[in-house]
């Protein structure tokens, strides 16, 4: 994640908007998921924590530039 953020900031002098649009789903019936907590943990890592990491990483850039918007979908 850190490398991605560094690359984005290197290629773009100013970023105005961050759109967090993660959409990973568990594609199995819930009846087959009782003993598969790791599926839910992985989904949270992708859909929630990755977006939080990217947002926290982008906030210093927004503050430095005096503005910025985060959109979560």
PDB file of N, CA and C in Angstrom:
ATOM      1  N   UNK A   1       0.827  -1.189   0.000  1.00  0.00           N
ATOM      2  CA  UNK A   1       0.000   0.000   0.000  1.00  0.00           C
ATOM      3  C   UNK A   1       0.869   1.250   0.000  1.00  0.00           C
ATOM      4  N   UNK A   2       1.907   1.259   0.816  1.00  0.00           N
ATOM      5  CA  UNK A   2       2.778   2.432   0.912  1.00  0.00           C
ATOM      6  C   UNK A   2       3.447   2.742  -0.426  1.00  0.00           C
ATOM      7  N   UNK A   3       3.881   1.701  -1.125  1.00  0.00           N
ATOM      8  CA  UNK A   3       4.514   1.903  -2.432  1.00  0.00           C
ATOM      9  C   UNK A   3       3.524   2.488  -3.427  1.00  0.00           C
ATOM     10  N   UNK A   4       2.294   2.032  -3.398  1.00  0.00           N
ATOM     11  CA  UNK A   4       1.265   2.563  -4.297  1.00  0.00           C
ATOM     12  C   UNK A   4       1.031   4.042  -4.014  1.00  0.00           C
ATOM     13  N   UNK A   5       0.908   4.373  -2.747  1.00  0.00           N
ATOM     14  CA  UNK A   5       0.677   5.764  -2.357  1.00  0.00           C
ATOM     15  C   UNK A   5       1.852   6.643  -2.780  1.00  0.00           C
ATOM     16  N   UNK A   6       3.072   6.186  -2.546  1.00  0.00           N
ATOM     17  CA  UNK A   6       4.254   6.950  -2.945  1.00  0.00           C
ATOM     18  C   UNK A   6       4.292   7.158  -4.456  1.00  0.00           C
ATOM     19  N   UNK A   7       3.954   6.126  -5.224  1.00  0.00           N
ATOM     20  CA  UNK A   7       3.947   6.231  -6.680  1.00  0.00           C
ATOM     21  C   UNK A   7       2.890   7.234  -7.160  1.00  0.00           C
ATOM     22  N   UNK A   8       1.718   7.182  -6.564  1.00  0.00           N
ATOM     23  CA  UNK A   8       0.645   8.116  -6.926  1.00  0.00           C
ATOM     24  C   UNK A   8       1.083   9.548  -6.668  1.00  0.00           C
ATOM     25  N   UNK A   9       1.645   9.801  -5.482  1.00  0.00           N
ATOM     26  CA  UNK A   9       2.070  11.162  -5.138  1.00  0.00           C
ATOM     27  C   UNK A   9       3.252  11.614  -5.985  1.00  0.00           C
ATOM     28  N   UNK A  10       4.081  10.689  -6.414  1.00  0.00           N
ATOM     29  CA  UNK A  10       5.211  11.023  -7.279  1.00  0.00           C
ATOM     30  C   UNK A  10       4.730  11.449  -8.669  1.00  0.00           C
ATOM     31  N   UNK A  11       3.702  10.781  -9.163  1.00  0.00           N
ATOM     32  CA  UNK A  11       3.205  11.036 -10.516  1.00  0.00           C
ATOM     33  C   UNK A  11       2.233  12.209 -10.598  1.00  0.00           C
ATOM     34  N   UNK A  12       1.651  12.606  -9.463  1.00  0.00           N
ATOM     35  CA  UNK A  12       0.643  13.673  -9.465  1.00  0.00           C
ATOM     36  C   UNK A  12       1.004  14.707  -8.400  1.00  0.00           C
ATOM     37  N   UNK A  13       1.256  15.925  -8.842  1.00  0.00           N
ATOM     38  CA  UNK A  13       1.667  16.983  -7.917  1.00  0.00           C
ATOM     39  C   UNK A  13       0.575  17.328  -6.919  1.00  0.00           C
ATOM     40  N   UNK A  14      -0.665  17.328  -7.363  1.00  0.00           N
ATOM     41  CA  UNK A  14      -1.771  17.663  -6.468  1.00  0.00           C
ATOM     42  C   UNK A  14      -2.930  16.717  -6.734  1.00  0.00           C
ATOM     43  N   UNK A  15      -3.444  16.161  -5.676  1.00  0.00           N
ATOM     44  CA  UNK A  15      -4.606  15.277  -5.756  1.00  0.00           C
ATOM     45  C   UNK A  15      -5.744  15.967  -5.021  1.00  0.00           C
ATOM     46  N   UNK A  16      -6.872  16.068  -5.687  1.00  0.00           N
ATOM     47  CA  UNK A  16      -8.023  16.755  -5.113  1.00  0.00           C
ATOM     48  C   UNK A  16      -9.035  15.803  -4.483  1.00  0.00           C
ATOM     49  N   UNK A  17      -9.142  14.589  -5.041  1.00  0.00           N
ATOM     50  CA  UNK A  17     -10.184  13.668  -4.608  1.00  0.00           C
ATOM     51  C   UNK A  17      -9.616  12.253  -4.507  1.00  0.00           C
ATOM     52  N   UNK A  18      -9.977  11.559  -3.451  1.00  0.00           N
ATOM     53  CA  UNK A  18      -9.690  10.140  -3.296  1.00  0.00           C
ATOM     54  C   UNK A  18     -11.029   9.417  -3.271  1.00  0.00           C
ATOM     55  N   UNK A  19     -11.215   8.491  -4.205  1.00  0.00           N
ATOM     56  CA  UNK A  19     -12.441   7.698  -4.236  1.00  0.00           C
ATOM     57  C   UNK A  19     -12.095   6.277  -3.815  1.00  0.00           C
ATOM     58  N   UNK A  20     -12.618   5.878  -2.676  1.00  0.00           N
ATOM     59  CA  UNK A  20     -12.435   4.515  -2.185  1.00  0.00           C
ATOM     60  C   UNK A  20     -13.605   3.676  -2.700  1.00  0.00           C
ATOM     61  N   UNK A  21     -13.296   2.743  -3.595  1.00  0.00           N
ATOM     62  CA  UNK A  21     -14.347   1.966  -4.243  1.00  0.00           C
ATOM     63  C   UNK A  21     -13.987   0.478  -4.243  1.00  0.00           C
ATOM     64  N   UNK A  22     -13.692  -0.054  -3.083  1.00  0.00           N
ATOM     65  CA  UNK A  22     -13.375  -1.482  -2.989  1.00  0.00           C
ATOM     66  C   UNK A  22     -14.663  -2.288  -3.071  1.00  0.00           C
ATOM     67  N   UNK A  23     -14.573  -3.439  -3.683  1.00  0.00           N
ATOM     68  CA  UNK A  23     -15.795  -4.233  -3.838  1.00  0.00           C
ATOM     69  C   UNK A  23     -15.477  -5.713  -3.986  1.00  0.00           C
ATOM     70  N   UNK A  24     -14.901  -6.294  -2.997  1.00  0.00           N
ATOM     71  CA  UNK A  24     -14.632  -7.733  -2.992  1.00  0.00           C
ATOM     72  C   UNK A  24     -15.755  -8.416  -2.226  1.00  0.00           C
ATOM     73  N   UNK A  25     -16.272  -9.478  -2.760  1.00  0.00           N
ATOM     74  CA  UNK A  25     -17.374 -10.179  -2.115  1.00  0.00           C
ATOM     75  C   UNK A  25     -16.997 -11.631  -1.858  1.00  0.00           C
ATOM     76  N   UNK A  26     -17.647 -12.205  -0.879  1.00  0.00           N
ATOM     77  CA  UNK A  26     -17.510 -13.631  -0.607  1.00  0.00           C
ATOM     78  C   UNK A  26     -18.554 -14.334  -1.476  1.00  0.00           C
ATOM     79  N   UNK A  27     -18.092 -15.190  -2.330  1.00  0.00           N
ATOM     80  CA  UNK A  27     -19.006 -15.838  -3.279  1.00  0.00           C
ATOM     81  C   UNK A  27     -19.249 -17.293  -2.893  1.00  0.00           C
ATOM     82  N   UNK A  28     -19.866 -17.441  -1.752  1.00  0.00           N
ATOM     83  CA  UNK A  28     -20.225 -18.786  -1.294  1.00  0.00           C
ATOM     84  C   UNK A  28     -21.454 -18.627  -0.411  1.00  0.00           C
ATOM     85  N   UNK A  29     -22.335 -19.591  -0.435  1.00  0.00           N
ATOM     86  CA  UNK A  29     -23.520 -19.518   0.430  1.00  0.00           C
ATOM     87  C   UNK A  29     -23.110 -19.438   1.903  1.00  0.00           C
ATOM     88  N   UNK A  30     -23.834 -18.677   2.675  1.00  0.00           N
ATOM     89  CA  UNK A  30     -23.514 -18.491   4.090  1.00  0.00           C
ATOM     90  C   UNK A  30     -23.500 -19.832   4.832  1.00  0.00           C
ATOM     91  N   UNK A  31     -24.302 -20.760   4.413  1.00  0.00           N
ATOM     92  CA  UNK A  31     -24.351 -22.076   5.057  1.00  0.00           C
ATOM     93  C   UNK A  31     -23.007 -22.801   4.943  1.00  0.00           C
ATOM     94  N   UNK A  32     -22.201 -22.435   3.946  1.00  0.00           N
ATOM     95  CA  UNK A  32     -20.880 -23.043   3.765  1.00  0.00           C
ATOM     96  C   UNK A  32     -19.763 -22.207   4.392  1.00  0.00           C
ATOM     97  N   UNK A  33     -20.124 -21.153   5.099  1.00  0.00           N
ATOM     98  CA  UNK A  33     -19.117 -20.223   5.616  1.00  0.00           C
ATOM     99  C   UNK A  33     -18.954 -20.269   7.128  1.00  0.00           C
ATOM    100  N   UNK A  34     -19.638 -21.162   7.820  1.00  0.00           N
ATOM    101  CA  UNK A  34     -19.589 -21.181   9.286  1.00  0.00           C
ATOM    102  C   UNK A  34     -18.175 -21.317   9.842  1.00  0.00           C
ATOM    103  N   UNK A  35     -17.327 -22.070   9.189  1.00  0.00           N
ATOM    104  CA  UNK A  35     -15.970 -22.289   9.701  1.00  0.00           C
ATOM    105  C   UNK A  35     -14.917 -21.576   8.859  1.00  0.00           C
ATOM    106  N   UNK A  36     -15.330 -20.505   8.182  1.00  0.00           N
ATOM    107  CA  UNK A  36     -14.413 -19.803   7.284  1.00  0.00           C
ATOM    108  C   UNK A  36     -14.286 -18.318   7.668  1.00  0.00           C
ATOM    109  N   UNK A  37     -13.979 -18.075   8.922  1.00  0.00           N
ATOM    110  CA  UNK A  37     -13.818 -16.700   9.393  1.00  0.00           C
ATOM    111  C   UNK A  37     -12.773 -15.957   8.562  1.00  0.00           C
ATOM    112  N   UNK A  38     -11.756 -16.668   8.100  1.00  0.00           N
ATOM    113  CA  UNK A  38     -10.696 -16.015   7.318  1.00  0.00           C
ATOM    114  C   UNK A  38     -11.240 -15.364   6.052  1.00  0.00           C
ATOM    115  N   UNK A  39     -12.321 -15.897   5.470  1.00  0.00           N
ATOM    116  CA  UNK A  39     -12.929 -15.251   4.296  1.00  0.00           C
ATOM    117  C   UNK A  39     -13.446 -13.864   4.653  1.00  0.00           C
ATOM    118  N   UNK A  40     -14.077 -13.758   5.803  1.00  0.00           N
ATOM    119  CA  UNK A  40     -14.615 -12.474   6.241  1.00  0.00           C
ATOM    120  C   UNK A  40     -13.493 -11.507   6.619  1.00  0.00           C
ATOM    121  N   UNK A  41     -12.446 -12.030   7.255  1.00  0.00           N
ATOM    122  CA  UNK A  41     -11.299 -11.188   7.610  1.00  0.00           C
ATOM    123  C   UNK A  41     -10.615 -10.650   6.358  1.00  0.00           C
ATOM    124  N   UNK A  42     -10.452 -11.479   5.347  1.00  0.00           N
ATOM    125  CA  UNK A  42      -9.829 -11.048   4.100  1.00  0.00           C
ATOM    126  C   UNK A  42     -10.691  -9.993   3.404  1.00  0.00           C
ATOM    127  N   UNK A  43     -11.992 -10.197   3.428  1.00  0.00           N
ATOM    128  CA  UNK A  43     -12.900  -9.223   2.816  1.00  0.00           C
ATOM    129  C   UNK A  43     -12.813  -7.881   3.535  1.00  0.00           C
ATOM    130  N   UNK A  44     -12.727  -7.905   4.859  1.00  0.00           N
ATOM    131  CA  UNK A  44     -12.578  -6.658   5.619  1.00  0.00           C
ATOM    132  C   UNK A  44     -11.242  -5.984   5.316  1.00  0.00           C
ATOM    133  N   UNK A  45     -10.184  -6.771   5.151  1.00  0.00           N
ATOM    134  CA  UNK A  45      -8.877  -6.205   4.810  1.00  0.00           C
ATOM    135  C   UNK A  45      -8.951  -5.438   3.498  1.00  0.00           C
ATOM    136  N   UNK A  46      -9.625  -6.014   2.530  1.00  0.00           N
ATOM    137  CA  UNK A  46      -9.701  -5.386   1.205  1.00  0.00           C
ATOM    138  C   UNK A  46     -10.704  -4.239   1.194  1.00  0.00           C
ATOM    139  N   UNK A  47     -11.925  -4.504   1.648  1.00  0.00           N
ATOM    140  CA  UNK A  47     -13.007  -3.531   1.493  1.00  0.00           C
ATOM    141  C   UNK A  47     -12.984  -2.400   2.506  1.00  0.00           C
ATOM    142  N   UNK A  48     -12.413  -2.630   3.674  1.00  0.00           N
ATOM    143  CA  UNK A  48     -12.427  -1.599   4.708  1.00  0.00           C
ATOM    144  C   UNK A  48     -11.031  -1.090   5.047  1.00  0.00           C
ATOM    145  N   UNK A  49     -10.168  -1.968   5.524  1.00  0.00           N
ATOM    146  CA  UNK A  49      -8.871  -1.515   6.018  1.00  0.00           C
ATOM    147  C   UNK A  49      -7.979  -0.931   4.923  1.00  0.00           C
ATOM    148  N   UNK A  50      -8.043  -1.452   3.714  1.00  0.00           N
ATOM    149  CA  UNK A  50      -7.247  -0.878   2.625  1.00  0.00           C
ATOM    150  C   UNK A  50      -7.692   0.552   2.337  1.00  0.00           C
ATOM    151  N   UNK A  51      -8.996   0.779   2.366  1.00  0.00           N
ATOM    152  CA  UNK A  51      -9.517   2.135   2.143  1.00  0.00           C
ATOM    153  C   UNK A  51      -9.100   3.076   3.274  1.00  0.00           C
ATOM    154  N   UNK A  52      -9.127   2.580   4.508  1.00  0.00           N
ATOM    155  CA  UNK A  52      -8.697   3.402   5.647  1.00  0.00           C
ATOM    156  C   UNK A  52      -7.213   3.732   5.523  1.00  0.00           C
ATOM    157  N   UNK A  53      -6.399   2.748   5.164  1.00  0.00           N
ATOM    158  CA  UNK A  53      -4.959   2.991   4.995  1.00  0.00           C
ATOM    159  C   UNK A  53      -4.689   4.044   3.917  1.00  0.00           C
ATOM    160  N   UNK A  54      -5.377   3.916   2.789  1.00  0.00           N
ATOM    161  CA  UNK A  54      -5.176   4.873   1.710  1.00  0.00           C
ATOM    162  C   UNK A  54      -5.631   6.265   2.135  1.00  0.00           C
ATOM    163  N   UNK A  55      -6.753   6.348   2.830  1.00  0.00           N
ATOM    164  CA  UNK A  55      -7.248   7.640   3.300  1.00  0.00           C
ATOM    165  C   UNK A  55      -6.264   8.273   4.279  1.00  0.00           C
ATOM    166  N   UNK A  56      -5.797   7.511   5.265  1.00  0.00           N
ATOM    167  CA  UNK A  56      -4.841   8.044   6.239  1.00  0.00           C
ATOM    168  C   UNK A  56      -3.539   8.456   5.569  1.00  0.00           C
ATOM    169  N   UNK A  57      -3.132   7.703   4.553  1.00  0.00           N
ATOM    170  CA  UNK A  57      -1.916   8.055   3.824  1.00  0.00           C
ATOM    171  C   UNK A  57      -2.063   9.316   2.986  1.00  0.00           C
ATOM    172  N   UNK A  58      -3.276   9.583   2.525  1.00  0.00           N
ATOM    173  CA  UNK A  58      -3.526  10.743   1.667  1.00  0.00           C
ATOM    174  C   UNK A  58      -3.793  12.019   2.470  1.00  0.00           C
ATOM    175  N   UNK A  59      -4.223  11.886   3.720  1.00  0.00           N
ATOM    176  CA  UNK A  59      -4.570  13.068   4.523  1.00  0.00           C
ATOM    177  C   UNK A  59      -3.442  14.084   4.647  1.00  0.00           C
ATOM    178  N   UNK A  60      -2.193  13.687   4.891  1.00  0.00           N
ATOM    179  CA  UNK A  60      -1.132  14.697   4.951  1.00  0.00           C
ATOM    180  C   UNK A  60      -1.004  15.499   3.654  1.00  0.00           C
ATOM    181  N   UNK A  61      -1.190  14.852   2.519  1.00  0.00           N
ATOM    182  CA  UNK A  61      -1.139  15.538   1.221  1.00  0.00           C
ATOM    183  C   UNK A  61      -2.278  16.562   1.127  1.00  0.00           C
ATOM    184  N   UNK A  62      -3.477  16.159   1.524  1.00  0.00           N
ATOM    185  CA  UNK A  62      -4.613  17.076   1.496  1.00  0.00           C
ATOM    186  C   UNK A  62      -4.367  18.275   2.415  1.00  0.00           C
ATOM    187  N   UNK A  63      -3.862  18.018   3.617  1.00  0.00           N
ATOM    188  CA  UNK A  63      -3.599  19.111   4.554  1.00  0.00           C
ATOM    189  C   UNK A  63      -2.521  20.043   4.032  1.00  0.00           C
ATOM    190  N   UNK A  64      -1.490  19.486   3.430  1.00  0.00           N
ATOM    191  CA  UNK A  64      -0.411  20.300   2.868  1.00  0.00           C
ATOM    192  C   UNK A  64      -0.914  21.205   1.772  1.00  0.00           C
ATOM    193  N   UNK A  65      -1.866  20.709   0.970  1.00  0.00           N
ATOM    194  CA  UNK A  65      -2.405  21.482  -0.140  1.00  0.00           C
ATOM    195  C   UNK A  65      -3.616  22.322   0.247  1.00  0.00           C
ATOM    196  N   UNK A  66      -4.075  22.189   1.472  1.00  0.00           N
ATOM    197  CA  UNK A  66      -5.176  23.025   1.952  1.00  0.00           C
ATOM    198  C   UNK A  66      -6.555  22.539   1.545  1.00  0.00           C
ATOM    199  N   UNK A  67      -6.650  21.392   0.893  1.00  0.00           N
ATOM    200  CA  UNK A  67      -7.965  20.871   0.529  1.00  0.00           C
ATOM    201  C   UNK A  67      -7.843  19.429   0.060  1.00  0.00           C
ATOM    202  N   UNK A  68      -8.987  18.797  -0.030  1.00  0.00           N
ATOM    203  CA  UNK A  68      -9.069  17.430  -0.529  1.00  0.00           C
ATOM    204  C   UNK A  68     -10.376  16.806  -0.095  1.00  0.00           C
ATOM    205  N   UNK A  69     -10.866  15.878  -0.879  1.00  0.00           N
ATOM    206  CA  UNK A  69     -12.132  15.215  -0.585  1.00  0.00           C
ATOM    207  C   UNK A  69     -11.930  13.710  -0.634  1.00  0.00           C
ATOM    208  N   UNK A  70     -12.598  13.022   0.270  1.00  0.00           N
ATOM    209  CA  UNK A  70     -12.587  11.563   0.278  1.00  0.00           C
ATOM    210  C   UNK A  70     -14.029  11.104   0.046  1.00  0.00           C
ATOM    211  N   UNK A  71     -14.189  10.241  -0.932  1.00  0.00           N
ATOM    212  CA  UNK A  71     -15.502   9.675  -1.237  1.00  0.00           C
ATOM    213  C   UNK A  71     -15.437   8.176  -1.019  1.00  0.00           C
ATOM    214  N   UNK A  72     -16.322   7.670  -0.223  1.00  0.00           N
ATOM    215  CA  UNK A  72     -16.409   6.226   0.004  1.00  0.00           C
ATOM    216  C   UNK A  72     -17.673   5.703  -0.640  1.00  0.00           C
ATOM    217  N   UNK A  73     -17.528   4.678  -1.457  1.00  0.00           N
ATOM    218  CA  UNK A  73     -18.714   4.143  -2.133  1.00  0.00           C
ATOM    219  C   UNK A  73     -19.034   2.766  -1.622  1.00  0.00           C
TER     220      UNK A  73
END
